[in-house]
Every structure is written in structure tokens, then in C-alpha cells.
Amino acid sequence: MSNPAFALAAASSAVKALLGTDPVRFYLFGEATQNTPLPYAVWQTVYGSPENLLNGVPNLDRWGVQVDAYAKTPTASRAIQDALRDAFEPTAYVVAWNGEFLESDTGLYRCSFTVEFMSPRI
């Protein structure tokens, strides 16, 4: 799979201001450990499909990527969500706001959204 979520986030000065630079705390699902410094965000592919053509094989793929921003406050979580949205929207679009949550086991606030990318096949 080839979607540009991390590259776009890591290129954004607004995202880096919130999630750091060494490393940018924007992780593939399952890679953020329990002791990951706050705040941080994670991403995962939740759906995908080829963009089918009538006259040949698909030339690009559509990827739905769920993004979850974790922070100690709702305001911080929303700020991360907004920075990531702004980093993605020049080349993708948000298809769903998945909600805001207070995680009972960690006490962290989480904002979630899904963004859709179209990735050309090489």
C-alpha cells in the first residue's frame, strides 16, 4: 500500500509544532507504546479500493485512513486534528468526523477522523 499520510504530516510545520520532530509523533497503528510522550496521533488504513476503469487496469487506488489524535485535553486533541486535516486537505479530503472520546483506561482525549487519499500506481 502506498498512501502519503505520514509524509504529509511530517512535512507540515503546524503538525511538527504540536507533535515534535525527533520523531514526529504520528505513528502507524500499534507502534505507539503505552509510554509514548504526549501528545501524539496514530493512523491506520480502514478501507481501500482500486479506481476501476472501463478501458484497462486501475491506475490509482483510493485509501481511507483513520486518524486518531491523543492528548491530555480536548483542546489539544482538537488542535492536532485540525493541523493534520490542514496537512492532508491539499491532496486529500476528509470523509468523516468519527467523534471525540475520553479514553477511560488512559484518561486521554481522542479526536478521530477519516481522510481519503487517491494514490497513483507506479
PDB file of N, CA and C in Angstrom:
ATOM      1  N   MET A   1       0.837  -1.173   0.000  1.00  0.00           N
ATOM      2  CA  MET A   1       0.000   0.000   0.000  1.00  0.00           C
ATOM      3  C   MET A   1       0.884   1.237   0.000  1.00  0.00           C
ATOM      4  N   SER A   2       0.401   2.245  -0.678  1.00  0.00           N
ATOM      5  CA  SER A   2       1.152   3.484  -0.731  1.00  0.00           C
ATOM      6  C   SER A   2       0.208   4.650  -0.493  1.00  0.00           C
ATOM      7  N   ASN A   3       0.135   5.094   0.738  1.00  0.00           N
ATOM      8  CA  ASN A   3      -0.617   6.326   0.987  1.00  0.00           C
ATOM      9  C   ASN A   3       0.324   7.308   1.671  1.00  0.00           C
ATOM     10  N   PRO A   4       0.101   8.592   1.455  1.00  0.00           N
ATOM     11  CA  PRO A   4       1.070   9.604   1.879  1.00  0.00           C
ATOM     12  C   PRO A   4       0.832  10.201   3.266  1.00  0.00           C
ATOM     13  N   ALA A   5       0.060   9.561   4.122  1.00  0.00           N
ATOM     14  CA  ALA A   5      -0.338  10.166   5.399  1.00  0.00           C
ATOM     15  C   ALA A   5       0.866  10.646   6.211  1.00  0.00           C
ATOM     16  N   PHE A   6       1.823   9.766   6.463  1.00  0.00           N
ATOM     17  CA  PHE A   6       2.950  10.181   7.300  1.00  0.00           C
ATOM     18  C   PHE A   6       3.779  11.267   6.636  1.00  0.00           C
ATOM     19  N   ALA A   7       4.068  11.112   5.351  1.00  0.00           N
ATOM     20  CA  ALA A   7       4.901  12.093   4.656  1.00  0.00           C
ATOM     21  C   ALA A   7       4.271  13.484   4.700  1.00  0.00           C
ATOM     22  N   LEU A   8       2.970  13.575   4.489  1.00  0.00           N
ATOM     23  CA  LEU A   8       2.285  14.871   4.530  1.00  0.00           C
ATOM     24  C   LEU A   8       2.306  15.459   5.944  1.00  0.00           C
ATOM     25  N   ALA A   9       2.073  14.622   6.936  1.00  0.00           N
ATOM     26  CA  ALA A   9       2.091  15.101   8.323  1.00  0.00           C
ATOM     27  C   ALA A   9       3.487  15.591   8.704  1.00  0.00           C
ATOM     28  N   ALA A  10       4.502  14.821   8.356  1.00  0.00           N
ATOM     29  CA  ALA A  10       5.874  15.165   8.729  1.00  0.00           C
ATOM     30  C   ALA A  10       6.384  16.401   7.996  1.00  0.00           C
ATOM     31  N   ALA A  11       5.753  16.762   6.888  1.00  0.00           N
ATOM     32  CA  ALA A  11       6.156  17.947   6.129  1.00  0.00           C
ATOM     33  C   ALA A  11       5.470  19.219   6.625  1.00  0.00           C
ATOM     34  N   SER A  12       4.501  19.083   7.508  1.00  0.00           N
ATOM     35  CA  SER A  12       3.720  20.220   7.973  1.00  0.00           C
ATOM     36  C   SER A  12       4.355  20.873   9.198  1.00  0.00           C
ATOM     37  N   SER A  13       4.631  22.155   9.115  1.00  0.00           N
ATOM     38  CA  SER A  13       5.209  22.846  10.270  1.00  0.00           C
ATOM     39  C   SER A  13       4.215  22.917  11.428  1.00  0.00           C
ATOM     40  N   ALA A  14       2.919  23.029  11.119  1.00  0.00           N
ATOM     41  CA  ALA A  14       1.903  23.065  12.189  1.00  0.00           C
ATOM     42  C   ALA A  14       1.833  21.727  12.922  1.00  0.00           C
ATOM     43  N   VAL A  15       1.906  20.632  12.176  1.00  0.00           N
ATOM     44  CA  VAL A  15       1.895  19.299  12.801  1.00  0.00           C
ATOM     45  C   VAL A  15       3.152  19.121  13.644  1.00  0.00           C
ATOM     46  N   LYS A  16       4.298  19.496  13.100  1.00  0.00           N
ATOM     47  CA  LYS A  16       5.559  19.340  13.843  1.00  0.00           C
ATOM     48  C   LYS A  16       5.586  20.202  15.095  1.00  0.00           C
ATOM     49  N   ALA A  17       4.945  21.363  15.056  1.00  0.00           N
ATOM     50  CA  ALA A  17       4.890  22.211  16.254  1.00  0.00           C
ATOM     51  C   ALA A  17       4.122  21.527  17.369  1.00  0.00           C
ATOM     52  N   LEU A  18       3.141  20.701  17.015  1.00  0.00           N
ATOM     53  CA  LEU A  18       2.329  20.003  18.025  1.00  0.00           C
ATOM     54  C   LEU A  18       2.855  18.614  18.370  1.00  0.00           C
ATOM     55  N   LEU A  19       3.407  17.912  17.371  1.00  0.00           N
ATOM     56  CA  LEU A  19       3.808  16.518  17.568  1.00  0.00           C
ATOM     57  C   LEU A  19       5.310  16.294  17.542  1.00  0.00           C
ATOM     58  N   GLY A  20       6.086  17.357  17.525  1.00  0.00           N
ATOM     59  CA  GLY A  20       7.531  17.216  17.608  1.00  0.00           C
ATOM     60  C   GLY A  20       8.174  16.854  16.283  1.00  0.00           C
ATOM     61  N   THR A  21       9.494  16.760  16.343  1.00  0.00           N
ATOM     62  CA  THR A  21      10.260  16.487  15.123  1.00  0.00           C
ATOM     63  C   THR A  21      11.248  15.337  15.264  1.00  0.00           C
ATOM     64  N   ASP A  22      11.472  14.832  16.453  1.00  0.00           N
ATOM     65  CA  ASP A  22      12.510  13.820  16.629  1.00  0.00           C
ATOM     66  C   ASP A  22      12.068  12.714  17.578  1.00  0.00           C
ATOM     67  N   PRO A  23      11.159  11.879  17.130  1.00  0.00           N
ATOM     68  CA  PRO A  23      10.495  11.838  15.823  1.00  0.00           C
ATOM     69  C   PRO A  23       9.189  12.629  15.848  1.00  0.00           C
ATOM     70  N   VAL A  24       8.588  12.779  14.666  1.00  0.00           N
ATOM     71  CA  VAL A  24       7.221  13.287  14.604  1.00  0.00           C
ATOM     72  C   VAL A  24       6.355  12.198  15.225  1.00  0.00           C
ATOM     73  N   ARG A  25       5.572  12.541  16.247  1.00  0.00           N
ATOM     74  CA  ARG A  25       4.803  11.533  16.981  1.00  0.00           C
ATOM     75  C   ARG A  25       3.479  11.246  16.271  1.00  0.00           C
ATOM     76  N   PHE A  26       3.580  10.735  15.044  1.00  0.00           N
ATOM     77  CA  PHE A  26       2.444  10.330  14.217  1.00  0.00           C
ATOM     78  C   PHE A  26       2.759   8.918  13.758  1.00  0.00           C
ATOM     79  N   TYR A  27       2.136   7.955  14.422  1.00  0.00           N
ATOM     80  CA  TYR A  27       2.541   6.559  14.305  1.00  0.00           C
ATOM     81  C   TYR A  27       1.533   5.717  13.539  1.00  0.00           C
ATOM     82  N   LEU A  28       2.047   4.711  12.843  1.00  0.00           N
ATOM     83  CA  LEU A  28       1.206   3.663  12.302  1.00  0.00           C
ATOM     84  C   LEU A  28       0.567   2.926  13.469  1.00  0.00           C
ATOM     85  N   PHE A  29      -0.685   2.495  13.319  1.00  0.00           N
ATOM     86  CA  PHE A  29      -1.392   1.826  14.413  1.00  0.00           C
ATOM     87  C   PHE A  29      -0.520   0.740  15.034  1.00  0.00           C
ATOM     88  N   GLY A  30      -0.589   0.617  16.347  1.00  0.00           N
ATOM     89  CA  GLY A  30       0.158  -0.409  17.068  1.00  0.00           C
ATOM     90  C   GLY A  30       1.595  -0.045  17.380  1.00  0.00           C
ATOM     91  N   GLU A  31       2.120   1.047  16.812  1.00  0.00           N
ATOM     92  CA  GLU A  31       3.516   1.405  17.043  1.00  0.00           C
ATOM     93  C   GLU A  31       3.711   2.392  18.187  1.00  0.00           C
ATOM     94  N   ALA A  32       2.659   3.037  18.635  1.00  0.00           N
ATOM     95  CA  ALA A  32       2.767   3.930  19.792  1.00  0.00           C
ATOM     96  C   ALA A  32       2.633   3.064  21.047  1.00  0.00           C
ATOM     97  N   THR A  33       3.655   3.090  21.867  1.00  0.00           N
ATOM     98  CA  THR A  33       3.639   2.272  23.076  1.00  0.00           C
ATOM     99  C   THR A  33       2.903   3.002  24.196  1.00  0.00           C
ATOM    100  N   GLN A  34       2.670   2.319  25.286  1.00  0.00           N
ATOM    101  CA  GLN A  34       1.965   2.904  26.423  1.00  0.00           C
ATOM    102  C   GLN A  34       2.703   4.119  26.981  1.00  0.00           C
ATOM    103  N   ASN A  35       4.006   4.167  26.840  1.00  0.00           N
ATOM    104  CA  ASN A  35       4.803   5.274  27.381  1.00  0.00           C
ATOM    105  C   ASN A  35       5.174   6.323  26.335  1.00  0.00           C
ATOM    106  N   THR A  36       4.480   6.339  25.207  1.00  0.00           N
ATOM    107  CA  THR A  36       4.747   7.333  24.173  1.00  0.00           C
ATOM    108  C   THR A  36       4.494   8.734  24.735  1.00  0.00           C
ATOM    109  N   PRO A  37       5.433   9.655  24.535  1.00  0.00           N
ATOM    110  CA  PRO A  37       5.212  11.027  25.018  1.00  0.00           C
ATOM    111  C   PRO A  37       3.971  11.658  24.381  1.00  0.00           C
ATOM    112  N   LEU A  38       3.292  12.472  25.159  1.00  0.00           N
ATOM    113  CA  LEU A  38       2.086  13.155  24.689  1.00  0.00           C
ATOM    114  C   LEU A  38       2.451  14.537  24.168  1.00  0.00           C
ATOM    115  N   PRO A  39       1.630  15.068  23.273  1.00  0.00           N
ATOM    116  CA  PRO A  39       0.541  14.406  22.564  1.00  0.00           C
ATOM    117  C   PRO A  39       1.097  13.592  21.397  1.00  0.00           C
ATOM    118  N   TYR A  40       0.236  12.771  20.802  1.00  0.00           N
ATOM    119  CA  TYR A  40       0.627  12.006  19.626  1.00  0.00           C
ATOM    120  C   TYR A  40      -0.620  11.659  18.833  1.00  0.00           C
ATOM    121  N   ALA A  41      -0.407  11.148  17.631  1.00  0.00           N
ATOM    122  CA  ALA A  41      -1.513  10.704  16.783  1.00  0.00           C
ATOM    123  C   ALA A  41      -1.116   9.396  16.120  1.00  0.00           C
ATOM    124  N   VAL A  42      -2.120   8.637  15.741  1.00  0.00           N
ATOM    125  CA  VAL A  42      -1.901   7.373  15.044  1.00  0.00           C
ATOM    126  C   VAL A  42      -2.768   7.344  13.792  1.00  0.00           C
ATOM    127  N   TRP A  43      -2.360   6.507  12.846  1.00  0.00           N
ATOM    128  CA  TRP A  43      -3.135   6.350  11.621  1.00  0.00           C
ATOM    129  C   TRP A  43      -3.190   4.878  11.229  1.00  0.00           C
ATOM    130  N   GLN A  44      -4.260   4.523  10.535  1.00  0.00           N
ATOM    131  CA  GLN A  44      -4.404   3.167  10.025  1.00  0.00           C
ATOM    132  C   GLN A  44      -5.312   3.182   8.808  1.00  0.00           C
ATOM    133  N   THR A  45      -5.044   2.282   7.871  1.00  0.00           N
ATOM    134  CA  THR A  45      -5.910   2.140   6.714  1.00  0.00           C
ATOM    135  C   THR A  45      -7.157   1.390   7.146  1.00  0.00           C
ATOM    136  N   VAL A  46      -8.326   1.961   6.871  1.00  0.00           N
ATOM    137  CA  VAL A  46      -9.577   1.313   7.260  1.00  0.00           C
ATOM    138  C   VAL A  46     -10.357   0.795   6.058  1.00  0.00           C
ATOM    139  N   TYR A  47     -10.016   1.260   4.874  1.00  0.00           N
ATOM    140  CA  TYR A  47     -10.584   0.687   3.658  1.00  0.00           C
ATOM    141  C   TYR A  47      -9.751   1.131   2.468  1.00  0.00           C
ATOM    142  N   GLY A  48      -9.952   0.468   1.384  1.00  0.00           N
ATOM    143  CA  GLY A  48      -9.272   0.837   0.153  1.00  0.00           C
ATOM    144  C   GLY A  48      -9.900   0.117  -1.012  1.00  0.00           C
ATOM    145  N   SER A  49      -9.727   0.679  -2.190  1.00  0.00           N
ATOM    146  CA  SER A  49     -10.227   0.039  -3.401  1.00  0.00           C
ATOM    147  C   SER A  49      -9.511   0.628  -4.602  1.00  0.00           C
ATOM    148  N   PRO A  50      -9.393  -0.178  -5.663  1.00  0.00           N
ATOM    149  CA  PRO A  50      -8.827   0.367  -6.890  1.00  0.00           C
ATOM    150  C   PRO A  50      -9.850   1.275  -7.563  1.00  0.00           C
ATOM    151  N   GLU A  51      -9.360   2.263  -8.278  1.00  0.00           N
ATOM    152  CA  GLU A  51     -10.223   3.127  -9.071  1.00  0.00           C
ATOM    153  C   GLU A  51     -10.359   2.444 -10.431  1.00  0.00           C
ATOM    154  N   ASN A  52     -11.429   1.668 -10.583  1.00  0.00           N
ATOM    155  CA  ASN A  52     -11.591   0.849 -11.777  1.00  0.00           C
ATOM    156  C   ASN A  52     -11.878   1.700 -13.011  1.00  0.00           C
ATOM    157  N   LEU A  53     -11.322   1.252 -14.128  1.00  0.00           N
ATOM    158  CA  LEU A  53     -11.503   1.918 -15.413  1.00  0.00           C
ATOM    159  C   LEU A  53     -12.172   0.972 -16.386  1.00  0.00           C
ATOM    160  N   LEU A  54     -12.946   1.489 -17.292  1.00  0.00           N
ATOM    161  CA  LEU A  54     -13.588   0.641 -18.301  1.00  0.00           C
ATOM    162  C   LEU A  54     -12.600   0.160 -19.357  1.00  0.00           C
ATOM    163  N   ASN A  55     -11.551   0.928 -19.611  1.00  0.00           N
ATOM    164  CA  ASN A  55     -10.658   0.608 -20.722  1.00  0.00           C
ATOM    165  C   ASN A  55      -9.309   0.035 -20.299  1.00  0.00           C
ATOM    166  N   GLY A  56      -9.174  -0.481 -19.076  1.00  0.00           N
ATOM    167  CA  GLY A  56      -7.901  -1.056 -18.678  1.00  0.00           C
ATOM    168  C   GLY A  56      -7.819  -1.269 -17.175  1.00  0.00           C
ATOM    169  N   VAL A  57      -6.615  -1.575 -16.733  1.00  0.00           N
ATOM    170  CA  VAL A  57      -6.407  -1.818 -15.310  1.00  0.00           C
ATOM    171  C   VAL A  57      -6.427  -0.493 -14.554  1.00  0.00           C
ATOM    172  N   PRO A  58      -6.746  -0.538 -13.283  1.00  0.00           N
ATOM    173  CA  PRO A  58      -6.769   0.701 -12.490  1.00  0.00           C
ATOM    174  C   PRO A  58      -5.413   1.403 -12.505  1.00  0.00           C
ATOM    175  N   ASN A  59      -5.456   2.733 -12.518  1.00  0.00           N
ATOM    176  CA  ASN A  59      -4.210   3.494 -12.494  1.00  0.00           C
ATOM    177  C   ASN A  59      -3.972   4.175 -11.147  1.00  0.00           C
ATOM    178  N   LEU A  60      -4.935   4.030 -10.229  1.00  0.00           N
ATOM    179  CA  LEU A  60      -4.741   4.551  -8.888  1.00  0.00           C
ATOM    180  C   LEU A  60      -5.621   3.811  -7.899  1.00  0.00           C
ATOM    181  N   ASP A  61      -5.270   3.976  -6.643  1.00  0.00           N
ATOM    182  CA  ASP A  61      -6.001   3.347  -5.551  1.00  0.00           C
ATOM    183  C   ASP A  61      -6.535   4.420  -4.622  1.00  0.00           C
ATOM    184  N   ARG A  62      -7.692   4.147  -4.049  1.00  0.00           N
ATOM    185  CA  ARG A  62      -8.321   5.030  -3.072  1.00  0.00           C
ATOM    186  C   ARG A  62      -8.103   4.400  -1.697  1.00  0.00           C
ATOM    187  N   TRP A  63      -7.591   5.207  -0.745  1.00  0.00           N
ATOM    188  CA  TRP A  63      -7.308   4.721   0.602  1.00  0.00           C
ATOM    189  C   TRP A  63      -8.052   5.550   1.627  1.00  0.00           C
ATOM    190  N   GLY A  64      -8.817   4.904   2.491  1.00  0.00           N
ATOM    191  CA  GLY A  64      -9.429   5.566   3.635  1.00  0.00           C
ATOM    192  C   GLY A  64      -8.536   5.354   4.837  1.00  0.00           C
ATOM    193  N   VAL A  65      -8.078   6.444   5.423  1.00  0.00           N
ATOM    194  CA  VAL A  65      -7.143   6.384   6.540  1.00  0.00           C
ATOM    195  C   VAL A  65      -7.787   7.035   7.758  1.00  0.00           C
ATOM    196  N   GLN A  66      -7.924   6.250   8.825  1.00  0.00           N
ATOM    197  CA  GLN A  66      -8.442   6.785  10.082  1.00  0.00           C
ATOM    198  C   GLN A  66      -7.292   7.376  10.872  1.00  0.00           C
ATOM    199  N   VAL A  67      -7.505   8.586  11.374  1.00  0.00           N
ATOM    200  CA  VAL A  67      -6.507   9.291  12.163  1.00  0.00           C
ATOM    201  C   VAL A  67      -7.097   9.555  13.547  1.00  0.00           C
ATOM    202  N   ASP A  68      -6.335   9.248  14.585  1.00  0.00           N
ATOM    203  CA  ASP A  68      -6.754   9.479  15.962  1.00  0.00           C
ATOM    204  C   ASP A  68      -5.694  10.317  16.654  1.00  0.00           C
ATOM    205  N   ALA A  69      -6.115  11.451  17.243  1.00  0.00           N
ATOM    206  CA  ALA A  69      -5.205  12.358  17.945  1.00  0.00           C
ATOM    207  C   ALA A  69      -5.436  12.236  19.441  1.00  0.00           C
ATOM    208  N   TYR A  70      -4.376  11.957  20.195  1.00  0.00           N
ATOM    209  CA  TYR A  70      -4.451  11.752  21.639  1.00  0.00           C
ATOM    210  C   TYR A  70      -3.731  12.882  22.372  1.00  0.00           C
ATOM    211  N   ALA A  71      -4.374  13.392  23.421  1.00  0.00           N
ATOM    212  CA  ALA A  71      -3.770  14.468  24.207  1.00  0.00           C
ATOM    213  C   ALA A  71      -4.374  14.481  25.608  1.00  0.00           C
ATOM    214  N   LYS A  72      -3.800  15.311  26.472  1.00  0.00           N
ATOM    215  CA  LYS A  72      -4.287  15.424  27.850  1.00  0.00           C
ATOM    216  C   LYS A  72      -5.544  16.266  27.967  1.00  0.00           C
ATOM    217  N   THR A  73      -5.828  17.101  26.954  1.00  0.00           N
ATOM    218  CA  THR A  73      -7.014  17.967  26.998  1.00  0.00           C
ATOM    219  C   THR A  73      -7.774  17.875  25.680  1.00  0.00           C
ATOM    220  N   PRO A  74      -9.081  18.158  25.713  1.00  0.00           N
ATOM    221  CA  PRO A  74      -9.844  18.177  24.463  1.00  0.00           C
ATOM    222  C   PRO A  74      -9.309  19.229  23.491  1.00  0.00           C
ATOM    223  N   THR A  75      -8.916  20.381  24.014  1.00  0.00           N
ATOM    224  CA  THR A  75      -8.406  21.457  23.163  1.00  0.00           C
ATOM    225  C   THR A  75      -7.151  21.024  22.414  1.00  0.00           C
ATOM    226  N   ALA A  76      -6.255  20.354  23.090  1.00  0.00           N
ATOM    227  CA  ALA A  76      -5.023  19.887  22.452  1.00  0.00           C
ATOM    228  C   ALA A  76      -5.317  18.819  21.409  1.00  0.00           C
ATOM    229  N   SER A  77      -6.220  17.909  21.715  1.00  0.00           N
ATOM    230  CA  SER A  77      -6.579  16.869  20.756  1.00  0.00           C
ATOM    231  C   SER A  77      -7.202  17.474  19.499  1.00  0.00           C
ATOM    232  N   ARG A  78      -8.068  18.459  19.675  1.00  0.00           N
ATOM    233  CA  ARG A  78      -8.697  19.133  18.530  1.00  0.00           C
ATOM    234  C   ARG A  78      -7.672  19.907  17.709  1.00  0.00           C
ATOM    235  N   ALA A  79      -6.696  20.514  18.369  1.00  0.00           N
ATOM    236  CA  ALA A  79      -5.660  21.261  17.649  1.00  0.00           C
ATOM    237  C   ALA A  79      -4.842  20.329  16.757  1.00  0.00           C
ATOM    238  N   ILE A  80      -4.524  19.144  17.255  1.00  0.00           N
ATOM    239  CA  ILE A  80      -3.791  18.156  16.461  1.00  0.00           C
ATOM    240  C   ILE A  80      -4.646  17.718  15.276  1.00  0.00           C
ATOM    241  N   GLN A  81      -5.914  17.431  15.535  1.00  0.00           N
ATOM    242  CA  GLN A  81      -6.825  17.035  14.459  1.00  0.00           C
ATOM    243  C   GLN A  81      -6.867  18.101  13.367  1.00  0.00           C
ATOM    244  N   ASP A  82      -6.968  19.365  13.767  1.00  0.00           N
ATOM    245  CA  ASP A  82      -7.040  20.454  12.791  1.00  0.00           C
ATOM    246  C   ASP A  82      -5.744  20.580  11.991  1.00  0.00           C
ATOM    247  N   ALA A  83      -4.598  20.447  12.659  1.00  0.00           N
ATOM    248  CA  ALA A  83      -3.313  20.548  11.961  1.00  0.00           C
ATOM    249  C   ALA A  83      -3.141  19.410  10.961  1.00  0.00           C
ATOM    250  N   LEU A  84      -3.533  18.203  11.356  1.00  0.00           N
ATOM    251  CA  LEU A  84      -3.437  17.066  10.435  1.00  0.00           C
ATOM    252  C   LEU A  84      -4.406  17.227   9.270  1.00  0.00           C
ATOM    253  N   ARG A  85      -5.620  17.661   9.553  1.00  0.00           N
ATOM    254  CA  ARG A  85      -6.593  17.923   8.477  1.00  0.00           C
ATOM    255  C   ARG A  85      -6.005  18.903   7.474  1.00  0.00           C
ATOM    256  N   ASP A  86      -5.446  19.996   7.979  1.00  0.00           N
ATOM    257  CA  ASP A  86      -4.883  21.015   7.096  1.00  0.00           C
ATOM    258  C   ASP A  86      -3.697  20.485   6.297  1.00  0.00           C
ATOM    259  N   ALA A  87      -2.919  19.587   6.874  1.00  0.00           N
ATOM    260  CA  ALA A  87      -1.787  18.991   6.162  1.00  0.00           C
ATOM    261  C   ALA A  87      -2.253  18.072   5.043  1.00  0.00           C
ATOM    262  N   PHE A  88      -3.371  17.401   5.236  1.00  0.00           N
ATOM    263  CA  PHE A  88      -3.856  16.433   4.249  1.00  0.00           C
ATOM    264  C   PHE A  88      -4.697  17.057   3.137  1.00  0.00           C
ATOM    265  N   GLU A  89      -5.490  18.066   3.470  1.00  0.00           N
ATOM    266  CA  GLU A  89      -6.515  18.538   2.532  1.00  0.00           C
ATOM    267  C   GLU A  89      -6.014  19.108   1.200  1.00  0.00           C
ATOM    268  N   PRO A  90      -4.791  19.570   1.050  1.00  0.00           N
ATOM    269  CA  PRO A  90      -4.387  19.971  -0.297  1.00  0.00           C
ATOM    270  C   PRO A  90      -4.380  18.817  -1.308  1.00  0.00           C
ATOM    271  N   THR A  91      -4.242  17.577  -0.816  1.00  0.00           N
ATOM    272  CA  THR A  91      -4.183  16.436  -1.742  1.00  0.00           C
ATOM    273  C   THR A  91      -5.199  15.346  -1.415  1.00  0.00           C
ATOM    274  N   ALA A  92      -5.995  15.542  -0.397  1.00  0.00           N
ATOM    275  CA  ALA A  92      -6.966  14.529   0.033  1.00  0.00           C
ATOM    276  C   ALA A  92      -8.189  15.247   0.574  1.00  0.00           C
ATOM    277  N   TYR A  93      -9.156  14.475   1.068  1.00  0.00           N
ATOM    278  CA  TYR A  93     -10.302  15.129   1.674  1.00  0.00           C
ATOM    279  C   TYR A  93     -10.836  14.294   2.834  1.00  0.00           C
ATOM    280  N   VAL A  94     -11.344  15.012   3.825  1.00  0.00           N
ATOM    281  CA  VAL A  94     -11.941  14.363   4.989  1.00  0.00           C
ATOM    282  C   VAL A  94     -13.300  13.813   4.576  1.00  0.00           C
ATOM    283  N   VAL A  95     -13.528  12.537   4.869  1.00  0.00           N
ATOM    284  CA  VAL A  95     -14.818  11.923   4.526  1.00  0.00           C
ATOM    285  C   VAL A  95     -15.675  11.670   5.753  1.00  0.00           C
ATOM    286  N   ALA A  96     -15.088  11.743   6.959  1.00  0.00           N
ATOM    287  CA  ALA A  96     -15.886  11.517   8.173  1.00  0.00           C
ATOM    288  C   ALA A  96     -15.179  12.091   9.384  1.00  0.00           C
ATOM    289  N   TRP A  97     -15.958  12.717  10.241  1.00  0.00           N
ATOM    290  CA  TRP A  97     -15.525  13.069  11.587  1.00  0.00           C
ATOM    291  C   TRP A  97     -16.058  11.944  12.459  1.00  0.00           C
ATOM    292  N   ASN A  98     -15.174  11.156  13.032  1.00  0.00           N
ATOM    293  CA  ASN A  98     -15.571   9.924  13.716  1.00  0.00           C
ATOM    294  C   ASN A  98     -15.933  10.102  15.182  1.00  0.00           C
ATOM    295  N   GLY A  99     -15.756  11.296  15.701  1.00  0.00           N
ATOM    296  CA  GLY A  99     -16.160  11.541  17.080  1.00  0.00           C
ATOM    297  C   GLY A  99     -15.015  11.955  17.970  1.00  0.00           C
ATOM    298  N   GLU A 100     -15.401  12.332  19.182  1.00  0.00           N
ATOM    299  CA  GLU A 100     -14.457  12.722  20.217  1.00  0.00           C
ATOM    300  C   GLU A 100     -14.725  11.849  21.434  1.00  0.00           C
ATOM    301  N   PHE A 101     -13.654  11.442  22.097  1.00  0.00           N
ATOM    302  CA  PHE A 101     -13.788  10.461  23.162  1.00  0.00           C
ATOM    303  C   PHE A 101     -12.868  10.793  24.324  1.00  0.00           C
ATOM    304  N   LEU A 102     -13.263  10.391  25.503  1.00  0.00           N
ATOM    305  CA  LEU A 102     -12.379  10.356  26.658  1.00  0.00           C
ATOM    306  C   LEU A 102     -12.107   8.878  26.903  1.00  0.00           C
ATOM    307  N   GLU A 103     -10.863   8.466  26.703  1.00  0.00           N
ATOM    308  CA  GLU A 103     -10.492   7.063  26.854  1.00  0.00           C
ATOM    309  C   GLU A 103     -10.479   6.715  28.340  1.00  0.00           C
ATOM    310  N   SER A 104     -11.337   5.814  28.737  1.00  0.00           N
ATOM    311  CA  SER A 104     -11.471   5.506  30.164  1.00  0.00           C
ATOM    312  C   SER A 104     -10.224   4.833  30.752  1.00  0.00           C
ATOM    313  N   ASP A 105      -9.528   4.021  29.964  1.00  0.00           N
ATOM    314  CA  ASP A 105      -8.373   3.311  30.507  1.00  0.00           C
ATOM    315  C   ASP A 105      -7.122   4.183  30.615  1.00  0.00           C
ATOM    316  N   THR A 106      -7.008   5.237  29.800  1.00  0.00           N
ATOM    317  CA  THR A 106      -5.812   6.078  29.834  1.00  0.00           C
ATOM    318  C   THR A 106      -6.080   7.494  30.343  1.00  0.00           C
ATOM    319  N   GLY A 107      -7.339   7.928  30.314  1.00  0.00           N
ATOM    320  CA  GLY A 107      -7.680   9.290  30.678  1.00  0.00           C
ATOM    321  C   GLY A 107      -7.312  10.309  29.613  1.00  0.00           C
ATOM    322  N   LEU A 108      -6.973   9.825  28.413  1.00  0.00           N
ATOM    323  CA  LEU A 108      -6.597  10.719  27.324  1.00  0.00           C
ATOM    324  C   LEU A 108      -7.816  11.078  26.483  1.00  0.00           C
ATOM    325  N   TYR A 109      -7.771  12.275  25.920  1.00  0.00           N
ATOM    326  CA  TYR A 109      -8.809  12.716  24.991  1.00  0.00           C
ATOM    327  C   TYR A 109      -8.387  12.331  23.582  1.00  0.00           C
ATOM    328  N   ARG A 110      -9.366  11.891  22.786  1.00  0.00           N
ATOM    329  CA  ARG A 110      -9.089  11.430  21.428  1.00  0.00           C
ATOM    330  C   ARG A 110     -10.091  12.040  20.475  1.00  0.00           C
ATOM    331  N   CYS A 111      -9.597  12.631  19.402  1.00  0.00           N
ATOM    332  CA  CYS A 111     -10.413  13.059  18.276  1.00  0.00           C
ATOM    333  C   CYS A 111     -10.080  12.141  17.116  1.00  0.00           C
ATOM    334  N   SER A 112     -11.106  11.752  16.350  1.00  0.00           N
ATOM    335  CA  SER A 112     -10.910  10.800  15.265  1.00  0.00           C
ATOM    336  C   SER A 112     -11.568  11.305  13.989  1.00  0.00           C
ATOM    337  N   PHE A 113     -10.876  11.114  12.882  1.00  0.00           N
ATOM    338  CA  PHE A 113     -11.471  11.418  11.580  1.00  0.00           C
ATOM    339  C   PHE A 113     -10.915  10.477  10.530  1.00  0.00           C
ATOM    340  N   THR A 114     -11.594  10.417   9.404  1.00  0.00           N
ATOM    341  CA  THR A 114     -11.147   9.593   8.285  1.00  0.00           C
ATOM    342  C   THR A 114     -10.889  10.500   7.096  1.00  0.00           C
ATOM    343  N   VAL A 115      -9.742  10.330   6.486  1.00  0.00           N
ATOM    344  CA  VAL A 115      -9.346  11.097   5.312  1.00  0.00           C
ATOM    345  C   VAL A 115      -9.133  10.120   4.165  1.00  0.00           C
ATOM    346  N   GLU A 116      -9.465  10.553   2.960  1.00  0.00           N
ATOM    347  CA  GLU A 116      -9.353   9.673   1.802  1.00  0.00           C
ATOM    348  C   GLU A 116      -8.294  10.211   0.839  1.00  0.00           C
ATOM    349  N   PHE A 117      -7.372   9.323   0.486  1.00  0.00           N
ATOM    350  CA  PHE A 117      -6.298   9.642  -0.453  1.00  0.00           C
ATOM    351  C   PHE A 117      -6.503   8.873  -1.741  1.00  0.00           C
ATOM    352  N   MET A 118      -6.096   9.458  -2.828  1.00  0.00           N
ATOM    353  CA  MET A 118      -6.033   8.784  -4.115  1.00  0.00           C
ATOM    354  C   MET A 118      -4.548   8.660  -4.459  1.00  0.00           C
ATOM    355  N   SER A 119      -4.049   7.426  -4.553  1.00  0.00           N
ATOM    356  CA  SER A 119      -2.622   7.201  -4.785  1.00  0.00           C
ATOM    357  C   SER A 119      -2.401   6.604  -6.159  1.00  0.00           C
ATOM    358  N   PRO A 120      -1.679   7.321  -7.022  1.00  0.00           N
ATOM    359  CA  PRO A 120      -1.380   6.755  -8.336  1.00  0.00           C
ATOM    360  C   PRO A 120      -0.539   5.495  -8.201  1.00  0.00           C
ATOM    361  N   ARG A 121      -0.811   4.538  -9.050  1.00  0.00           N
ATOM    362  CA  ARG A 121       0.022   3.338  -9.096  1.00  0.00           C
ATOM    363  C   ARG A 121       1.277   3.642  -9.902  1.00  0.00           C
ATOM    364  N   ILE A 122       2.365   3.081  -9.459  1.00  0.00           N
ATOM    365  CA  ILE A 122       3.648   3.348 -10.152  1.00  0.00           C
ATOM    366  C   ILE A 122       3.890   2.280 -11.196  1.00  0.00           C
TER     367      ILE A 122
END
